[in-house]
Amino acid sequence: MPLLDHLIELRKRLIYALISFMLVFFIAFYFAKPIFSFLIQPALHDGYKMQVLDIFEFFFVTVKLSAFLSLIVGFPLIATQIWLFVAPGLYRQEKRAFLPFLVATPFMFYAGCAVMYYVVMPYVINFMLTQYAPQDVEKNLRAADYLERVLQLVFAFGFAFEMPVLLTLMLRVGIISSASLKAKRRYAIVICFVVAAVLAPPDVVSQIALAVPLIAFYEISILIGVWIERKRAEEDKKGEEEANNADSAGS
């Protein structure tokens, strides 16, 4: 395709992605109240109360929540448009190699969100409000601050769960190897804790809860890399044997 046709196709895909984002945004805005009620269940379950301190506070909370859900829920739709733009320029083998990673990316992100909500969030709330706050202090949570912390944790755990997808893709392409991952394990552990300290809220529980999956995913990526390299070696050996047999038959 000429460059102009590529630009026209790119504009069309961007328009479709924007339409998908706006569609999910308005749907999320309409259902913002039950969604927010779902998000505050870990706090309400422990007896804490949610409060609003400004007239427009919950409106901005609703807008922020809707935009966040548009990125999360609408990501597969946006990724599909990106794939439809890139896929025509790929060979069949390249499509077969990249398609599983395209499917695994939103799945792993949602898995990280689920772990954060059902496992980490209740412990963070209890630890921060029982460990540091005196018992005679009334513990009410502001809606805007609570949502900000939840979104911060969701993004942190969602992106953390993308590590095996990224490393496996790099192993598949050949940018890195399992041997290099093993050799740099000590540095990777330090980097995992640094990333957890940056992405997670400033409390030990959240940071450890984020660093541990990162380290586990790093080790899993090494095992996946060993399997990929072994399979690649077997395929190369099989291809050499077929080529030798063909040469023998031709001679």
Protein backbone atom coordinates (compact mmCIF):
# COMPACT_ATOMS: atom_id res chain seq x y z
CA MET A 1 0.00 0.00 0.00
CA PRO A 2 1.18 3.57 -0.64
CA LEU A 3 1.98 5.77 2.36
CA LEU A 4 -1.22 7.79 1.95
CA ASP A 5 -3.34 4.62 2.05
CA HIS A 6 -1.53 3.55 5.23
CA LEU A 7 -2.31 6.92 6.83
CA ILE A 8 -5.97 6.67 5.81
CA GLU A 9 -6.16 3.16 7.29
CA LEU A 10 -4.46 4.37 10.48
CA ARG A 11 -6.94 7.25 10.79
CA LYS A 12 -9.85 4.85 10.38
CA ARG A 13 -8.52 2.53 13.08
CA LEU A 14 -7.89 5.48 15.44
CA ILE A 15 -11.45 6.70 14.89
CA TYR A 16 -12.83 3.24 15.66
CA ALA A 17 -10.66 3.05 18.79
CA LEU A 18 -11.88 6.47 19.94
CA ILE A 19 -15.49 5.45 19.32
CA SER A 20 -14.92 2.29 21.38
CA PHE A 21 -13.41 4.35 24.20
CA MET A 22 -16.29 6.84 24.23
CA LEU A 23 -18.92 4.10 24.04
CA VAL A 24 -17.49 2.31 27.07
CA PHE A 25 -17.09 5.67 28.84
CA PHE A 26 -20.77 6.58 28.57
CA ILE A 27 -21.88 3.09 29.57
CA ALA A 28 -19.56 3.20 32.60
CA PHE A 29 -20.77 6.71 33.46
CA TYR A 30 -24.37 5.47 33.45
CA PHE A 31 -23.54 2.52 35.72
CA ALA A 32 -20.99 4.42 37.84
CA LYS A 33 -22.96 4.14 41.10
CA PRO A 34 -23.20 0.32 41.21
CA ILE A 35 -19.60 0.04 39.99
CA PHE A 36 -18.37 2.33 42.75
CA SER A 37 -20.49 0.42 45.27
CA PHE A 38 -18.72 -2.74 44.13
CA LEU A 39 -15.27 -1.15 44.52
CA ILE A 40 -15.91 0.02 48.08
CA GLN A 41 -17.11 -3.36 49.32
CA PRO A 42 -13.71 -4.27 50.87
CA ALA A 43 -13.90 -1.11 53.00
CA LEU A 44 -17.59 -1.46 53.91
CA HIS A 45 -17.10 -5.12 54.80
CA ASP A 46 -14.63 -4.08 57.50
CA GLY A 47 -17.02 -1.50 58.95
CA TYR A 48 -15.54 1.67 57.46
CA LYS A 49 -17.74 4.42 56.05
CA MET A 50 -17.31 6.31 52.79
CA GLN A 51 -17.91 10.06 52.76
CA VAL A 52 -18.03 12.96 50.30
CA LEU A 53 -16.71 16.37 51.41
CA ASP A 54 -17.45 18.52 48.39
CA ILE A 55 -20.47 19.23 46.21
CA PHE A 56 -18.78 18.21 42.97
CA GLU A 57 -16.54 15.52 44.44
CA PHE A 58 -18.57 12.50 43.44
CA PHE A 59 -19.13 13.91 39.94
CA PHE A 60 -15.37 14.04 39.37
CA VAL A 61 -15.06 10.60 40.97
CA THR A 62 -17.59 9.34 38.44
CA VAL A 63 -15.72 10.90 35.52
CA LYS A 64 -12.39 9.48 36.69
CA LEU A 65 -13.92 6.04 37.25
CA SER A 66 -15.59 6.06 33.82
CA ALA A 67 -12.36 7.04 32.06
CA PHE A 68 -10.49 4.31 33.91
CA LEU A 69 -13.03 1.67 32.98
CA SER A 70 -12.93 2.87 29.37
CA LEU A 71 -9.22 2.10 29.26
CA ILE A 72 -9.56 -1.25 31.03
CA VAL A 73 -12.76 -2.64 29.52
CA GLY A 74 -12.23 -1.00 26.14
CA PHE A 75 -8.62 -2.15 25.84
CA PRO A 76 -9.49 -5.37 23.92
CA LEU A 77 -11.49 -3.29 21.45
CA ILE A 78 -8.64 -0.81 21.03
CA ALA A 79 -6.10 -3.63 20.76
CA THR A 80 -8.25 -5.25 18.08
CA GLN A 81 -8.08 -2.09 15.98
CA ILE A 82 -4.30 -2.01 16.39
CA TRP A 83 -4.11 -5.64 15.34
CA LEU A 84 -6.30 -5.04 12.28
CA PHE A 85 -3.93 -2.26 11.22
CA VAL A 86 -0.74 -4.27 11.77
CA ALA A 87 -1.88 -7.77 10.76
CA PRO A 88 -2.05 -7.24 6.96
CA GLY A 89 1.69 -6.51 6.96
CA LEU A 90 2.62 -9.74 8.75
CA TYR A 91 3.31 -13.19 7.36
CA ARG A 92 1.14 -16.10 8.42
CA GLN A 93 3.78 -17.46 10.80
CA GLU A 94 4.21 -14.02 12.37
CA LYS A 95 0.45 -13.75 12.90
CA ARG A 96 0.40 -17.15 14.57
CA ALA A 97 3.28 -16.08 16.80
CA PHE A 98 1.83 -12.74 17.93
CA LEU A 99 -1.87 -13.64 18.23
CA PRO A 100 -1.54 -15.61 21.52
CA PHE A 101 0.23 -12.64 23.11
CA LEU A 102 -2.54 -10.33 21.96
CA VAL A 103 -5.07 -12.58 23.70
CA ALA A 104 -2.95 -13.05 26.83
CA THR A 105 -2.35 -9.32 27.40
CA PRO A 106 -5.89 -8.34 28.55
CA PHE A 107 -6.34 -11.69 30.32
CA MET A 108 -3.25 -11.17 32.47
CA PHE A 109 -4.18 -7.55 33.14
CA TYR A 110 -7.64 -8.56 34.39
CA ALA A 111 -6.06 -11.33 36.47
CA GLY A 112 -3.86 -8.73 38.17
CA CYS A 113 -6.90 -6.54 38.85
CA ALA A 114 -8.75 -9.49 40.39
CA VAL A 115 -5.82 -10.40 42.64
CA MET A 116 -5.57 -6.80 43.78
CA TYR A 117 -9.29 -6.48 44.58
CA TYR A 118 -9.96 -9.85 46.21
CA VAL A 119 -6.61 -10.55 47.90
CA VAL A 120 -4.50 -7.43 48.39
CA MET A 121 -7.02 -4.64 48.92
CA PRO A 122 -8.66 -5.98 52.13
CA TYR A 123 -5.25 -6.51 53.74
CA VAL A 124 -4.07 -3.04 52.74
CA ILE A 125 -7.14 -1.38 54.24
CA ASN A 126 -6.96 -3.30 57.50
CA PHE A 127 -3.21 -2.92 57.86
CA MET A 128 -3.09 0.81 57.21
CA LEU A 129 -6.12 1.69 59.34
CA THR A 130 -5.44 -0.65 62.26
CA GLN A 131 -1.65 -0.48 62.40
CA TYR A 132 -1.17 3.29 62.27
CA ALA A 133 -4.50 4.87 63.23
CA PRO A 134 -5.45 4.94 66.96
CA GLN A 135 -8.54 2.96 67.91
CA ASP A 136 -10.34 6.00 69.32
CA VAL A 137 -10.12 7.82 65.94
CA GLU A 138 -13.24 7.58 63.78
CA LYS A 139 -12.23 5.96 60.51
CA ASN A 140 -14.13 7.41 57.55
CA LEU A 141 -12.74 7.16 54.03
CA ARG A 142 -13.05 9.97 51.50
CA ALA A 143 -14.51 8.76 48.20
CA ALA A 144 -12.02 10.58 45.93
CA ASP A 145 -8.96 9.44 47.90
CA TYR A 146 -10.22 5.87 48.11
CA LEU A 147 -10.83 5.69 44.37
CA GLU A 148 -7.38 7.14 43.66
CA ARG A 149 -5.72 4.46 45.79
CA VAL A 150 -7.79 1.70 44.16
CA LEU A 151 -6.94 2.88 40.65
CA GLN A 152 -3.27 3.14 41.58
CA LEU A 153 -3.27 -0.44 42.83
CA VAL A 154 -5.24 -1.68 39.83
CA PHE A 155 -2.78 -0.18 37.36
CA ALA A 156 0.18 -1.41 39.39
CA PHE A 157 -1.02 -5.02 39.60
CA GLY A 158 -2.42 -5.01 36.07
CA PHE A 159 0.86 -3.92 34.52
CA ALA A 160 2.85 -6.19 36.85
CA PHE A 161 0.93 -9.19 35.55
CA GLU A 162 2.01 -8.23 32.02
CA MET A 163 5.63 -9.13 32.82
CA PRO A 164 5.42 -12.80 31.71
CA VAL A 165 3.71 -11.76 28.47
CA LEU A 166 6.43 -9.23 27.66
CA LEU A 167 9.32 -11.51 28.61
CA THR A 168 7.83 -14.47 26.75
CA LEU A 169 7.38 -12.34 23.64
CA MET A 170 11.02 -11.20 23.85
CA LEU A 171 12.11 -14.81 24.31
CA ARG A 172 9.98 -15.87 21.37
CA VAL A 173 11.46 -13.22 19.10
CA GLY A 174 14.98 -13.94 20.31
CA ILE A 175 15.81 -10.57 21.87
CA ILE A 176 16.70 -12.27 25.16
CA SER A 177 17.45 -15.84 26.23
CA SER A 178 16.69 -17.93 29.29
CA ALA A 179 20.41 -18.00 30.10
CA SER A 180 20.58 -14.20 30.22
CA LEU A 181 17.52 -14.11 32.48
CA LYS A 182 19.15 -16.61 34.84
CA ALA A 183 22.39 -14.64 34.88
CA LYS A 184 20.60 -11.39 35.74
CA ARG A 185 18.28 -12.87 38.37
CA ARG A 186 19.80 -10.93 41.28
CA TYR A 187 19.44 -7.62 39.47
CA ALA A 188 15.89 -8.52 38.45
CA ILE A 189 14.87 -9.11 42.08
CA VAL A 190 16.18 -5.67 43.06
CA ILE A 191 14.39 -4.08 40.09
CA CYS A 192 11.14 -5.83 41.07
CA PHE A 193 11.22 -4.29 44.52
CA VAL A 194 12.10 -0.87 43.06
CA VAL A 195 9.19 -1.07 40.60
CA ALA A 196 6.86 -2.15 43.41
CA ALA A 197 8.01 0.80 45.52
CA VAL A 198 7.28 3.20 42.66
CA LEU A 199 3.95 1.79 41.47
CA ALA A 200 2.35 0.69 44.73
CA PRO A 201 1.16 3.01 47.51
CA PRO A 202 3.77 3.88 50.18
CA ASP A 203 3.09 0.95 52.47
CA VAL A 204 5.05 -2.24 53.00
CA VAL A 205 2.11 -4.60 52.46
CA SER A 206 1.26 -3.28 48.99
CA GLN A 207 4.87 -3.19 47.90
CA ILE A 208 5.63 -6.75 49.03
CA ALA A 209 2.33 -7.98 47.56
CA LEU A 210 3.37 -6.48 44.21
CA ALA A 211 7.05 -7.47 44.32
CA VAL A 212 6.37 -11.15 45.06
CA PRO A 213 4.27 -11.76 41.90
CA LEU A 214 6.85 -9.87 39.84
CA ILE A 215 9.62 -12.17 41.05
CA ALA A 216 7.41 -15.23 40.56
CA PHE A 217 6.57 -14.17 37.01
CA TYR A 218 10.26 -13.64 36.30
CA GLU A 219 11.00 -17.22 37.34
CA ILE A 220 8.05 -18.51 35.31
CA SER A 221 9.34 -16.60 32.28
CA ILE A 222 12.68 -18.40 32.64
CA LEU A 223 10.91 -21.78 32.57
CA ILE A 224 8.87 -20.72 29.56
CA GLY A 225 12.06 -19.55 27.85
CA VAL A 226 13.74 -22.91 28.40
CA TRP A 227 10.71 -24.65 26.88
CA ILE A 228 10.65 -22.27 23.88
CA GLU A 229 14.36 -22.70 23.20
CA ARG A 230 14.10 -26.48 23.51
CA LYS A 231 11.18 -26.58 21.11
CA ARG A 232 13.01 -24.27 18.71
CA ALA A 233 16.09 -26.50 18.81
CA GLU A 234 13.95 -29.57 18.09
CA GLU A 235 12.31 -27.83 15.14
CA ASP A 236 15.69 -26.74 13.77
CA LYS A 237 17.05 -30.26 14.14
CA LYS A 238 14.00 -31.70 12.44
CA GLY A 239 14.36 -29.18 9.60
CA GLU A 240 18.02 -30.11 9.14
CA GLU A 241 17.15 -33.81 9.05
CA GLU A 242 14.45 -33.23 6.44
CA ALA A 243 16.89 -31.14 4.38
CA ASN A 244 19.53 -33.88 4.61
CA ASN A 245 17.01 -36.54 3.64
CA ALA A 246 15.94 -34.44 0.67
CA ASP A 247 19.55 -34.01 -0.43
CA SER A 248 20.16 -37.74 -0.06
CA ALA A 249 17.09 -38.57 -2.07
CA GLY A 250 18.07 -36.09 -4.77
CA SER A 251 21.55 -37.48 -5.08
